[in-house]
């Protein structure tokens, strides 16, 4: 997990500075008895809101999940009741189902659906996918969806395909999700991939 806290610290500092300026203004007003600092109020809040907007847009990601490290995966399942033979058998069952079944093309395909299909409890399924297949459920499914899209690009008339339609047909809910995962797997956008494929 990556926590990007720098912009939050900056905002917190500006907020405390704003409170400090407010306290100084209050004491000055009390001693003078007249409100002279309306302009400072406006400037202070404009600066604070501008900073919040700027840093919020620039560093908008506060939490970003990353792939678990092998040691973390091992630690997570240290007390699992599954034996090595069971893990290997379950892994083979999952691979066989994914290889011989295109259930992942359903946009609503979930860990629960896979659990029912292969008759493996959901918590064991997560363990096998993470520790034995070295991936996550979503990476496993999205990689297969991209592989399906690649087969379609290579075997069908590209003039009859739209990338958005191909994404939906491959099981992705949105065009952006399709593009993101396609580029993650191939290193190229669908358009770049098709262009390179056509020129070769």
N, C-alpha and C. Protein backbone atom coordinates (compact mmCIF):
# COMPACT_ATOMS: atom_id res chain seq x y z
N UNK A 1 0.85 -1.18 0.00
CA UNK A 1 0.00 0.00 0.00
C UNK A 1 0.88 1.23 0.00
N UNK A 2 0.56 2.23 -0.83
CA UNK A 2 1.31 3.46 -0.91
C UNK A 2 0.45 4.57 -0.37
N UNK A 3 0.93 5.27 0.63
CA UNK A 3 0.18 6.39 1.18
C UNK A 3 0.87 7.68 0.79
N UNK A 4 0.14 8.54 0.09
CA UNK A 4 0.72 9.79 -0.36
C UNK A 4 0.21 10.87 0.57
N UNK A 5 1.00 11.16 1.63
CA UNK A 5 0.54 12.07 2.66
C UNK A 5 1.12 13.48 2.54
N UNK A 6 2.05 13.70 1.61
CA UNK A 6 2.72 14.99 1.56
C UNK A 6 1.73 16.13 1.37
N UNK A 7 0.79 15.97 0.44
CA UNK A 7 -0.15 17.06 0.19
C UNK A 7 -1.08 17.27 1.37
N UNK A 8 -1.38 16.22 2.12
CA UNK A 8 -2.22 16.37 3.31
C UNK A 8 -1.47 17.17 4.37
N UNK A 9 -0.16 16.90 4.52
CA UNK A 9 0.64 17.66 5.48
C UNK A 9 0.68 19.13 5.12
N UNK A 10 0.81 19.41 3.80
CA UNK A 10 0.84 20.81 3.35
C UNK A 10 -0.49 21.51 3.69
N UNK A 11 -1.60 20.82 3.41
CA UNK A 11 -2.91 21.39 3.70
C UNK A 11 -3.08 21.60 5.20
N UNK A 12 -2.63 20.64 5.99
CA UNK A 12 -2.73 20.76 7.45
C UNK A 12 -1.92 21.96 7.94
N UNK A 13 -0.72 22.14 7.37
CA UNK A 13 0.12 23.28 7.74
C UNK A 13 -0.57 24.59 7.40
N UNK A 14 -1.14 24.66 6.17
CA UNK A 14 -1.84 25.89 5.76
C UNK A 14 -3.06 26.15 6.64
N UNK A 15 -3.73 25.08 7.03
CA UNK A 15 -4.90 25.23 7.89
C UNK A 15 -4.49 25.79 9.25
N UNK A 16 -3.40 25.25 9.82
CA UNK A 16 -2.91 25.75 11.11
C UNK A 16 -2.44 27.20 10.99
N UNK A 17 -1.80 27.51 9.87
CA UNK A 17 -1.36 28.89 9.61
C UNK A 17 -2.57 29.81 9.56
N UNK A 18 -3.63 29.33 8.91
CA UNK A 18 -4.87 30.09 8.79
C UNK A 18 -5.47 30.37 10.17
N UNK A 19 -5.45 29.34 11.03
CA UNK A 19 -5.96 29.53 12.40
C UNK A 19 -5.12 30.54 13.15
N UNK A 20 -3.79 30.45 12.96
CA UNK A 20 -2.89 31.40 13.61
C UNK A 20 -3.18 32.83 13.19
N UNK A 21 -3.34 33.05 11.88
CA UNK A 21 -3.67 34.39 11.36
C UNK A 21 -5.00 34.85 11.94
N UNK A 22 -5.97 33.94 12.02
CA UNK A 22 -7.28 34.28 12.58
C UNK A 22 -7.19 34.72 14.02
N UNK A 23 -6.35 34.02 14.82
CA UNK A 23 -6.18 34.39 16.23
C UNK A 23 -5.53 35.76 16.37
N UNK A 24 -4.49 35.99 15.55
CA UNK A 24 -3.82 37.31 15.58
C UNK A 24 -4.82 38.40 15.23
N UNK A 25 -5.63 38.16 14.18
CA UNK A 25 -6.63 39.16 13.76
C UNK A 25 -7.62 39.43 14.88
N UNK A 26 -8.04 38.34 15.57
CA UNK A 26 -9.02 38.50 16.64
C UNK A 26 -8.46 39.36 17.77
N UNK A 27 -7.20 39.10 18.15
CA UNK A 27 -6.59 39.90 19.23
C UNK A 27 -6.43 41.36 18.83
N UNK A 28 -6.05 41.59 17.55
CA UNK A 28 -5.89 42.97 17.07
C UNK A 28 -7.23 43.67 17.08
N UNK A 29 -8.26 43.00 16.60
CA UNK A 29 -9.61 43.59 16.58
C UNK A 29 -10.10 43.91 17.98
N UNK A 30 -9.83 42.99 18.92
CA UNK A 30 -10.26 43.23 20.31
C UNK A 30 -9.55 44.43 20.91
N UNK A 31 -8.25 44.57 20.59
CA UNK A 31 -7.49 45.69 21.17
C UNK A 31 -7.84 47.01 20.51
N UNK A 32 -8.12 47.00 19.20
CA UNK A 32 -8.44 48.23 18.48
C UNK A 32 -9.94 48.54 18.58
N UNK A 33 -10.71 47.48 18.62
CA UNK A 33 -12.16 47.66 18.73
C UNK A 33 -12.84 47.87 17.40
N UNK A 34 -12.10 47.79 16.29
CA UNK A 34 -12.68 47.97 14.95
C UNK A 34 -12.22 46.83 14.06
N UNK A 35 -13.07 46.41 13.13
CA UNK A 35 -12.73 45.30 12.23
C UNK A 35 -12.03 45.86 11.00
N UNK A 36 -10.69 45.69 10.95
CA UNK A 36 -9.90 46.19 9.83
C UNK A 36 -9.50 45.11 8.83
N UNK A 37 -9.74 43.85 9.15
CA UNK A 37 -9.06 42.79 8.42
C UNK A 37 -9.95 41.95 7.51
N UNK A 38 -11.02 42.54 6.97
CA UNK A 38 -11.88 41.79 6.06
C UNK A 38 -11.12 41.30 4.82
N UNK A 39 -10.24 42.15 4.28
CA UNK A 39 -9.46 41.80 3.10
C UNK A 39 -8.55 40.60 3.40
N UNK A 40 -7.94 40.58 4.61
CA UNK A 40 -7.08 39.46 4.98
C UNK A 40 -7.88 38.16 5.07
N UNK A 41 -9.13 38.26 5.55
CA UNK A 41 -9.99 37.07 5.60
C UNK A 41 -10.16 36.48 4.21
N UNK A 42 -10.47 37.35 3.25
CA UNK A 42 -10.70 36.90 1.87
C UNK A 42 -9.44 36.27 1.31
N UNK A 43 -8.30 36.96 1.48
CA UNK A 43 -7.03 36.45 0.94
C UNK A 43 -6.70 35.10 1.57
N UNK A 44 -6.89 35.00 2.90
CA UNK A 44 -6.56 33.76 3.62
C UNK A 44 -7.37 32.58 3.08
N UNK A 45 -8.68 32.77 2.91
CA UNK A 45 -9.53 31.67 2.46
C UNK A 45 -9.29 31.34 0.99
N UNK A 46 -9.00 32.36 0.18
CA UNK A 46 -8.69 32.10 -1.23
C UNK A 46 -7.42 31.26 -1.34
N UNK A 47 -6.38 31.62 -0.56
CA UNK A 47 -5.12 30.87 -0.58
C UNK A 47 -5.35 29.43 -0.11
N UNK A 48 -6.11 29.27 0.97
CA UNK A 48 -6.38 27.94 1.51
C UNK A 48 -7.15 27.08 0.52
N UNK A 49 -8.20 27.61 -0.07
CA UNK A 49 -9.00 26.84 -1.02
C UNK A 49 -8.22 26.52 -2.29
N UNK A 50 -7.39 27.48 -2.75
CA UNK A 50 -6.56 27.24 -3.93
C UNK A 50 -5.58 26.10 -3.66
N UNK A 51 -4.96 26.13 -2.47
CA UNK A 51 -3.99 25.09 -2.11
C UNK A 51 -4.67 23.73 -2.04
N UNK A 52 -5.86 23.69 -1.41
CA UNK A 52 -6.59 22.42 -1.31
C UNK A 52 -6.92 21.90 -2.70
N UNK A 53 -7.40 22.78 -3.57
CA UNK A 53 -7.74 22.37 -4.94
C UNK A 53 -6.53 21.88 -5.70
N UNK A 54 -5.41 22.63 -5.62
CA UNK A 54 -4.20 22.29 -6.37
C UNK A 54 -3.62 20.95 -5.91
N UNK A 55 -3.40 20.83 -4.60
CA UNK A 55 -2.79 19.60 -4.10
C UNK A 55 -3.74 18.42 -4.18
N UNK A 56 -5.03 18.70 -4.02
CA UNK A 56 -6.02 17.63 -4.15
C UNK A 56 -6.04 17.04 -5.54
N UNK A 57 -5.92 17.91 -6.57
CA UNK A 57 -5.91 17.42 -7.94
C UNK A 57 -4.58 16.77 -8.28
N UNK A 58 -3.48 17.37 -7.80
CA UNK A 58 -2.17 16.85 -8.15
C UNK A 58 -1.86 15.52 -7.45
N UNK A 59 -2.24 15.42 -6.19
CA UNK A 59 -1.93 14.22 -5.42
C UNK A 59 -3.21 13.56 -4.92
N UNK A 60 -4.19 13.45 -5.79
CA UNK A 60 -5.50 12.96 -5.40
C UNK A 60 -5.51 11.56 -4.82
N UNK A 61 -4.51 10.75 -5.15
CA UNK A 61 -4.51 9.37 -4.66
C UNK A 61 -3.92 9.34 -3.26
N UNK A 62 -4.76 8.99 -2.28
CA UNK A 62 -4.28 8.86 -0.92
C UNK A 62 -3.98 7.39 -0.63
N UNK A 63 -4.80 6.53 -1.19
CA UNK A 63 -4.60 5.09 -1.00
C UNK A 63 -4.50 4.42 -2.36
N UNK A 64 -3.45 3.67 -2.55
CA UNK A 64 -3.29 2.95 -3.81
C UNK A 64 -2.90 1.51 -3.50
N UNK A 65 -3.80 0.56 -3.78
CA UNK A 65 -3.44 -0.82 -3.48
C UNK A 65 -2.38 -1.34 -4.44
N UNK A 66 -1.47 -2.13 -3.93
CA UNK A 66 -0.45 -2.75 -4.77
C UNK A 66 -0.49 -4.25 -4.58
N UNK A 67 0.19 -4.92 -5.46
CA UNK A 67 0.26 -6.37 -5.33
C UNK A 67 0.96 -6.73 -4.03
N UNK A 68 0.46 -7.73 -3.36
CA UNK A 68 1.08 -8.15 -2.11
C UNK A 68 2.43 -8.78 -2.41
N UNK A 69 3.40 -8.49 -1.55
CA UNK A 69 4.71 -9.09 -1.71
C UNK A 69 4.64 -10.56 -1.29
N UNK A 70 5.52 -11.40 -1.86
CA UNK A 70 5.48 -12.84 -1.53
C UNK A 70 5.52 -13.10 -0.02
N UNK A 71 6.37 -12.32 0.72
CA UNK A 71 6.45 -12.55 2.16
C UNK A 71 5.13 -12.23 2.85
N UNK A 72 4.42 -11.18 2.33
CA UNK A 72 3.14 -10.79 2.92
C UNK A 72 2.09 -11.87 2.66
N UNK A 73 2.10 -12.41 1.44
CA UNK A 73 1.16 -13.48 1.09
C UNK A 73 1.40 -14.68 1.99
N UNK A 74 2.67 -15.04 2.15
CA UNK A 74 3.02 -16.19 2.98
C UNK A 74 2.59 -15.96 4.43
N UNK A 75 2.79 -14.74 4.92
CA UNK A 75 2.42 -14.39 6.29
C UNK A 75 0.90 -14.47 6.48
N UNK A 76 0.16 -13.98 5.47
CA UNK A 76 -1.30 -13.97 5.55
C UNK A 76 -1.89 -15.37 5.70
N UNK A 77 -1.25 -16.35 5.07
CA UNK A 77 -1.81 -17.71 5.07
C UNK A 77 -0.96 -18.69 5.89
N UNK A 78 -0.20 -18.15 6.81
CA UNK A 78 0.70 -18.98 7.62
C UNK A 78 -0.07 -20.04 8.42
N UNK A 79 -1.25 -19.66 8.90
CA UNK A 79 -2.03 -20.57 9.74
C UNK A 79 -3.17 -21.25 8.98
N UNK A 80 -3.06 -21.31 7.67
CA UNK A 80 -4.10 -21.95 6.86
C UNK A 80 -4.13 -23.46 7.14
N UNK A 81 -5.35 -24.02 7.20
CA UNK A 81 -5.46 -25.48 7.44
C UNK A 81 -5.18 -26.32 6.20
N UNK A 82 -5.04 -25.66 5.02
CA UNK A 82 -4.84 -26.41 3.78
C UNK A 82 -3.46 -27.06 3.73
N UNK A 83 -3.45 -28.31 3.29
CA UNK A 83 -2.19 -29.01 3.11
C UNK A 83 -1.68 -28.76 1.68
N UNK A 84 -0.38 -29.01 1.49
CA UNK A 84 0.25 -28.74 0.20
C UNK A 84 -0.46 -29.47 -0.95
N UNK A 85 -0.85 -30.74 -0.72
CA UNK A 85 -1.52 -31.52 -1.77
C UNK A 85 -2.87 -30.89 -2.14
N UNK A 86 -3.59 -30.40 -1.11
CA UNK A 86 -4.89 -29.76 -1.36
C UNK A 86 -4.70 -28.48 -2.17
N UNK A 87 -3.69 -27.72 -1.80
CA UNK A 87 -3.41 -26.46 -2.49
C UNK A 87 -3.13 -26.73 -3.96
N UNK A 88 -2.29 -27.73 -4.23
CA UNK A 88 -1.94 -28.07 -5.62
C UNK A 88 -3.17 -28.56 -6.40
N UNK A 89 -4.00 -29.36 -5.73
CA UNK A 89 -5.21 -29.88 -6.39
C UNK A 89 -6.19 -28.75 -6.69
N UNK A 90 -6.37 -27.85 -5.72
CA UNK A 90 -7.27 -26.71 -5.92
C UNK A 90 -6.75 -25.80 -7.04
N UNK A 91 -5.44 -25.57 -7.07
CA UNK A 91 -4.84 -24.72 -8.10
C UNK A 91 -5.08 -25.31 -9.49
N UNK A 92 -4.93 -26.63 -9.61
CA UNK A 92 -5.17 -27.31 -10.89
C UNK A 92 -6.64 -27.19 -11.30
N UNK A 93 -7.54 -27.30 -10.33
CA UNK A 93 -8.98 -27.18 -10.60
C UNK A 93 -9.33 -25.78 -11.11
N UNK A 94 -8.75 -24.76 -10.46
CA UNK A 94 -9.01 -23.37 -10.87
C UNK A 94 -8.50 -23.14 -12.29
N UNK A 95 -7.26 -23.56 -12.54
CA UNK A 95 -6.66 -23.37 -13.87
C UNK A 95 -7.48 -24.08 -14.96
N UNK A 96 -7.91 -25.29 -14.64
CA UNK A 96 -8.69 -26.07 -15.61
C UNK A 96 -10.01 -25.36 -15.93
N UNK A 97 -10.67 -24.85 -14.88
CA UNK A 97 -11.94 -24.17 -15.09
C UNK A 97 -11.75 -22.91 -15.94
N UNK A 98 -10.74 -22.11 -15.60
CA UNK A 98 -10.49 -20.87 -16.33
C UNK A 98 -10.09 -21.15 -17.78
N UNK A 99 -9.31 -22.22 -18.00
CA UNK A 99 -8.87 -22.57 -19.36
C UNK A 99 -10.02 -23.08 -20.23
N UNK A 100 -10.95 -23.80 -19.62
CA UNK A 100 -12.01 -24.46 -20.40
C UNK A 100 -13.36 -23.77 -20.33
N UNK A 101 -13.41 -22.63 -19.68
CA UNK A 101 -14.68 -21.96 -19.47
C UNK A 101 -14.51 -20.46 -19.63
N UNK A 102 -15.46 -19.83 -20.30
CA UNK A 102 -15.35 -18.38 -20.51
C UNK A 102 -16.31 -17.60 -19.61
N UNK A 103 -16.53 -18.13 -18.42
CA UNK A 103 -17.43 -17.47 -17.45
C UNK A 103 -16.92 -16.07 -17.11
N UNK A 104 -15.59 -15.87 -17.21
CA UNK A 104 -14.99 -14.56 -16.89
C UNK A 104 -15.42 -13.46 -17.86
N UNK A 105 -16.05 -13.84 -18.98
CA UNK A 105 -16.55 -12.83 -19.93
C UNK A 105 -17.82 -12.15 -19.42
N UNK A 106 -18.41 -12.73 -18.40
CA UNK A 106 -19.56 -12.10 -17.75
C UNK A 106 -19.02 -10.95 -16.88
N UNK A 107 -19.48 -9.71 -17.13
CA UNK A 107 -18.97 -8.57 -16.34
C UNK A 107 -19.22 -8.72 -14.84
N UNK A 108 -20.21 -9.53 -14.47
CA UNK A 108 -20.53 -9.72 -13.05
C UNK A 108 -19.85 -10.95 -12.44
N UNK A 109 -18.95 -11.55 -13.20
CA UNK A 109 -18.23 -12.72 -12.69
C UNK A 109 -17.45 -12.31 -11.44
N UNK A 110 -17.61 -13.06 -10.37
CA UNK A 110 -17.02 -12.68 -9.09
C UNK A 110 -16.32 -13.87 -8.45
N UNK A 111 -15.63 -13.57 -7.35
CA UNK A 111 -14.97 -14.62 -6.59
C UNK A 111 -16.00 -15.63 -6.08
N UNK A 112 -17.16 -15.13 -5.69
CA UNK A 112 -18.24 -16.02 -5.22
C UNK A 112 -18.71 -16.95 -6.33
N UNK A 113 -18.84 -16.39 -7.55
CA UNK A 113 -19.28 -17.21 -8.70
C UNK A 113 -18.25 -18.28 -9.01
N UNK A 114 -16.98 -17.92 -8.97
CA UNK A 114 -15.92 -18.90 -9.22
C UNK A 114 -15.93 -19.97 -8.12
N UNK A 115 -16.13 -19.54 -6.88
CA UNK A 115 -16.17 -20.46 -5.76
C UNK A 115 -17.25 -21.52 -5.95
N UNK A 116 -18.43 -21.08 -6.39
CA UNK A 116 -19.53 -22.03 -6.63
C UNK A 116 -19.21 -22.96 -7.80
N UNK A 117 -18.60 -22.40 -8.84
CA UNK A 117 -18.31 -23.18 -10.04
C UNK A 117 -17.29 -24.28 -9.80
N UNK A 118 -16.27 -24.00 -9.00
CA UNK A 118 -15.21 -24.99 -8.78
C UNK A 118 -15.38 -25.72 -7.45
N UNK A 119 -16.42 -25.35 -6.69
CA UNK A 119 -16.73 -26.00 -5.41
C UNK A 119 -15.55 -25.91 -4.43
N UNK A 120 -14.99 -24.69 -4.33
CA UNK A 120 -13.92 -24.43 -3.37
C UNK A 120 -14.39 -23.26 -2.51
N UNK A 121 -14.31 -23.37 -1.19
CA UNK A 121 -14.72 -22.25 -0.34
C UNK A 121 -13.99 -20.96 -0.71
N UNK A 122 -14.72 -19.84 -0.60
CA UNK A 122 -14.20 -18.55 -1.07
C UNK A 122 -12.87 -18.18 -0.40
N UNK A 123 -12.76 -18.40 0.91
CA UNK A 123 -11.52 -18.02 1.61
C UNK A 123 -10.34 -18.88 1.16
N UNK A 124 -10.59 -20.14 0.84
CA UNK A 124 -9.52 -20.99 0.31
C UNK A 124 -9.16 -20.57 -1.12
N UNK A 125 -10.17 -20.17 -1.86
CA UNK A 125 -9.97 -19.74 -3.24
C UNK A 125 -9.03 -18.54 -3.30
N UNK A 126 -9.27 -17.57 -2.43
CA UNK A 126 -8.40 -16.38 -2.37
C UNK A 126 -6.97 -16.79 -2.06
N UNK A 127 -6.82 -17.71 -1.11
CA UNK A 127 -5.48 -18.16 -0.73
C UNK A 127 -4.76 -18.81 -1.91
N UNK A 128 -5.45 -19.70 -2.62
CA UNK A 128 -4.82 -20.41 -3.74
C UNK A 128 -4.40 -19.42 -4.83
N UNK A 129 -5.31 -18.50 -5.16
CA UNK A 129 -5.02 -17.53 -6.23
C UNK A 129 -3.84 -16.65 -5.84
N UNK A 130 -3.82 -16.21 -4.58
CA UNK A 130 -2.74 -15.32 -4.13
C UNK A 130 -1.41 -16.03 -3.95
N UNK A 131 -1.44 -17.17 -3.26
CA UNK A 131 -0.17 -17.81 -2.90
C UNK A 131 0.35 -18.79 -3.94
N UNK A 132 -0.56 -19.53 -4.58
CA UNK A 132 -0.12 -20.56 -5.52
C UNK A 132 -0.05 -20.04 -6.96
N UNK A 133 -1.04 -19.22 -7.35
CA UNK A 133 -1.04 -18.68 -8.72
C UNK A 133 -0.33 -17.32 -8.79
N UNK A 134 0.08 -16.82 -7.63
CA UNK A 134 0.84 -15.55 -7.54
C UNK A 134 0.15 -14.37 -8.22
N UNK A 135 -1.14 -14.25 -8.00
CA UNK A 135 -1.87 -13.12 -8.57
C UNK A 135 -3.08 -12.83 -7.69
N UNK A 136 -3.92 -11.92 -8.14
CA UNK A 136 -5.17 -11.65 -7.43
C UNK A 136 -6.31 -12.12 -8.32
N UNK A 137 -7.48 -12.26 -7.74
CA UNK A 137 -8.64 -12.69 -8.53
C UNK A 137 -8.87 -11.74 -9.71
N UNK A 138 -8.82 -10.44 -9.44
CA UNK A 138 -9.10 -9.47 -10.50
C UNK A 138 -8.04 -9.48 -11.59
N UNK A 139 -6.79 -9.64 -11.21
CA UNK A 139 -5.74 -9.74 -12.23
C UNK A 139 -5.90 -11.00 -13.07
N UNK A 140 -6.25 -12.09 -12.40
CA UNK A 140 -6.45 -13.36 -13.11
C UNK A 140 -7.56 -13.22 -14.15
N UNK A 141 -8.69 -12.68 -13.73
CA UNK A 141 -9.84 -12.52 -14.61
C UNK A 141 -9.55 -11.51 -15.72
N UNK A 142 -8.98 -10.37 -15.36
CA UNK A 142 -8.74 -9.32 -16.36
C UNK A 142 -7.68 -9.73 -17.38
N UNK A 143 -6.71 -10.52 -16.95
CA UNK A 143 -5.70 -11.03 -17.89
C UNK A 143 -6.36 -11.95 -18.92
N UNK A 144 -7.28 -12.80 -18.46
CA UNK A 144 -8.01 -13.69 -19.38
C UNK A 144 -8.91 -12.90 -20.32
N UNK A 145 -9.51 -11.84 -19.81
CA UNK A 145 -10.37 -11.00 -20.65
C UNK A 145 -9.55 -10.32 -21.76
N UNK A 146 -8.36 -9.85 -21.39
CA UNK A 146 -7.49 -9.22 -22.39
C UNK A 146 -7.04 -10.27 -23.42
N UNK A 147 -6.73 -11.48 -22.96
CA UNK A 147 -6.33 -12.56 -23.88
C UNK A 147 -7.46 -12.85 -24.87
N UNK A 148 -8.70 -12.82 -24.39
CA UNK A 148 -9.86 -13.03 -25.27
C UNK A 148 -9.93 -11.90 -26.31
N UNK A 149 -9.73 -10.66 -25.85
CA UNK A 149 -9.77 -9.50 -26.76
C UNK A 149 -8.67 -9.61 -27.82
N UNK A 150 -7.50 -10.08 -27.42
CA UNK A 150 -6.39 -10.26 -28.37
C UNK A 150 -6.73 -11.30 -29.43
N UNK A 151 -7.35 -12.38 -29.00
CA UNK A 151 -7.76 -13.41 -29.97
C UNK A 151 -8.76 -12.83 -30.98
N UNK A 152 -9.69 -12.03 -30.49
CA UNK A 152 -10.68 -11.41 -31.38
C UNK A 152 -10.00 -10.47 -32.38
N UNK A 153 -9.03 -9.70 -31.91
CA UNK A 153 -8.32 -8.77 -32.79
C UNK A 153 -7.53 -9.52 -33.87
N UNK A 154 -6.99 -10.66 -33.49
CA UNK A 154 -6.15 -11.42 -34.42
C UNK A 154 -6.94 -12.30 -35.39
N UNK A 155 -8.18 -12.64 -35.04
CA UNK A 155 -8.92 -13.58 -35.88
C UNK A 155 -10.12 -12.96 -36.61
N UNK A 156 -10.52 -11.77 -36.23
CA UNK A 156 -11.70 -11.17 -36.86
C UNK A 156 -11.33 -9.93 -37.66
N UNK A 157 -12.22 -9.54 -38.53
CA UNK A 157 -12.03 -8.35 -39.36
C UNK A 157 -12.09 -7.12 -38.47
N UNK A 158 -10.94 -6.44 -38.33
CA UNK A 158 -10.86 -5.29 -37.41
C UNK A 158 -11.76 -4.13 -37.82
N UNK A 159 -12.13 -4.07 -39.11
CA UNK A 159 -12.99 -2.98 -39.56
C UNK A 159 -14.41 -3.12 -39.00
N UNK A 160 -14.74 -4.33 -38.55
CA UNK A 160 -16.08 -4.57 -38.00
C UNK A 160 -16.10 -4.47 -36.48
N UNK A 161 -14.92 -4.20 -35.90
CA UNK A 161 -14.82 -4.13 -34.45
C UNK A 161 -14.68 -2.68 -33.98
N UNK A 162 -15.31 -2.37 -32.86
CA UNK A 162 -15.01 -1.10 -32.17
C UNK A 162 -14.34 -1.49 -30.86
N UNK A 163 -13.41 -0.67 -30.41
CA UNK A 163 -12.70 -1.01 -29.18
C UNK A 163 -13.64 -1.03 -27.98
N UNK A 164 -14.58 -0.12 -27.97
CA UNK A 164 -15.53 -0.10 -26.86
C UNK A 164 -16.37 -1.38 -26.85
N UNK A 165 -16.84 -1.77 -28.03
CA UNK A 165 -17.63 -3.01 -28.14
C UNK A 165 -16.80 -4.23 -27.77
N UNK A 166 -15.53 -4.22 -28.19
CA UNK A 166 -14.64 -5.33 -27.88
C UNK A 166 -14.42 -5.44 -26.37
N UNK A 167 -14.30 -4.29 -25.73
CA UNK A 167 -14.12 -4.26 -24.28
C UNK A 167 -15.31 -4.87 -23.56
N UNK A 168 -16.52 -4.47 -23.97
CA UNK A 168 -17.73 -5.02 -23.35
C UNK A 168 -17.86 -6.52 -23.62
N UNK A 169 -17.54 -6.91 -24.85
CA UNK A 169 -17.63 -8.33 -25.21
C UNK A 169 -16.63 -9.17 -24.42
N UNK A 170 -15.52 -8.54 -24.06
CA UNK A 170 -14.47 -9.24 -23.31
C UNK A 170 -14.76 -9.29 -21.81
N UNK A 171 -15.84 -8.63 -21.38
CA UNK A 171 -16.22 -8.73 -19.97
C UNK A 171 -15.96 -7.50 -19.13
N UNK A 172 -15.43 -6.44 -19.76
CA UNK A 172 -15.16 -5.22 -19.00
C UNK A 172 -16.41 -4.34 -18.93
N UNK A 173 -16.60 -3.70 -17.77
CA UNK A 173 -17.78 -2.86 -17.57
C UNK A 173 -17.66 -1.49 -18.22
N UNK A 174 -16.42 -1.01 -18.37
CA UNK A 174 -16.22 0.33 -18.92
C UNK A 174 -15.08 0.31 -19.94
N UNK A 175 -15.10 1.30 -20.80
CA UNK A 175 -14.06 1.45 -21.81
C UNK A 175 -12.71 1.72 -21.13
N UNK A 176 -12.74 2.56 -20.08
CA UNK A 176 -11.48 2.92 -19.40
C UNK A 176 -10.86 1.70 -18.72
N UNK A 177 -11.69 0.84 -18.15
CA UNK A 177 -11.18 -0.38 -17.50
C UNK A 177 -10.55 -1.30 -18.54
N UNK A 178 -11.18 -1.40 -19.71
CA UNK A 178 -10.63 -2.22 -20.80
C UNK A 178 -9.27 -1.68 -21.25
N UNK A 179 -9.21 -0.37 -21.50
CA UNK A 179 -7.96 0.25 -21.95
C UNK A 179 -6.85 0.08 -20.91
N UNK A 180 -7.20 0.31 -19.65
CA UNK A 180 -6.21 0.21 -18.57
C UNK A 180 -5.62 -1.20 -18.50
N UNK A 181 -6.49 -2.20 -18.49
CA UNK A 181 -6.02 -3.58 -18.37
C UNK A 181 -5.33 -4.07 -19.64
N UNK A 182 -5.80 -3.62 -20.80
CA UNK A 182 -5.17 -3.99 -22.07
C UNK A 182 -3.72 -3.49 -22.08
N UNK A 183 -3.55 -2.22 -21.69
CA UNK A 183 -2.20 -1.65 -21.68
C UNK A 183 -1.33 -2.30 -20.62
N UNK A 184 -1.93 -2.67 -19.50
CA UNK A 184 -1.19 -3.33 -18.42
C UNK A 184 -0.63 -4.67 -18.88
N UNK A 185 -1.41 -5.39 -19.69
CA UNK A 185 -0.99 -6.72 -20.18
C UNK A 185 -0.06 -6.62 -21.37
N UNK A 186 -0.39 -5.76 -22.34
CA UNK A 186 0.36 -5.72 -23.60
C UNK A 186 1.40 -4.61 -23.68
N UNK A 187 1.25 -3.60 -22.81
CA UNK A 187 2.14 -2.44 -22.89
C UNK A 187 1.71 -1.44 -23.95
N UNK A 188 0.57 -1.70 -24.60
CA UNK A 188 0.07 -0.82 -25.67
C UNK A 188 -1.43 -0.61 -25.50
N UNK A 189 -1.92 0.48 -26.10
CA UNK A 189 -3.37 0.66 -26.15
C UNK A 189 -3.91 -0.25 -27.25
N UNK A 190 -5.21 -0.54 -27.25
CA UNK A 190 -5.76 -1.39 -28.33
C UNK A 190 -5.46 -0.81 -29.72
N UNK A 191 -5.53 0.51 -29.84
CA UNK A 191 -5.28 1.16 -31.13
C UNK A 191 -3.83 0.95 -31.57
N UNK A 192 -2.89 1.13 -30.64
CA UNK A 192 -1.47 0.93 -30.96
C UNK A 192 -1.22 -0.54 -31.33
N UNK A 193 -1.82 -1.43 -30.58
CA UNK A 193 -1.64 -2.86 -30.83
C UNK A 193 -2.14 -3.24 -32.21
N UNK A 194 -3.33 -2.75 -32.56
CA UNK A 194 -3.92 -3.06 -33.87
C UNK A 194 -3.09 -2.46 -35.00
N UNK A 195 -2.59 -1.25 -34.79
CA UNK A 195 -1.77 -0.59 -35.80
C UNK A 195 -0.49 -1.39 -36.05
N UNK A 196 0.16 -1.85 -34.99
CA UNK A 196 1.40 -2.63 -35.12
C UNK A 196 1.10 -3.99 -35.77
N UNK A 197 -0.03 -4.55 -35.41
CA UNK A 197 -0.42 -5.85 -35.96
C UNK A 197 -0.69 -5.72 -37.47
N UNK A 198 -1.31 -4.62 -37.87
CA UNK A 198 -1.64 -4.41 -39.28
C UNK A 198 -0.41 -4.16 -40.14
N UNK A 199 0.61 -3.50 -39.52
CA UNK A 199 1.81 -3.16 -40.30
C UNK A 199 2.80 -4.31 -40.38
N UNK A 200 2.61 -5.35 -39.57
CA UNK A 200 3.57 -6.47 -39.59
C UNK A 200 3.16 -7.55 -40.58
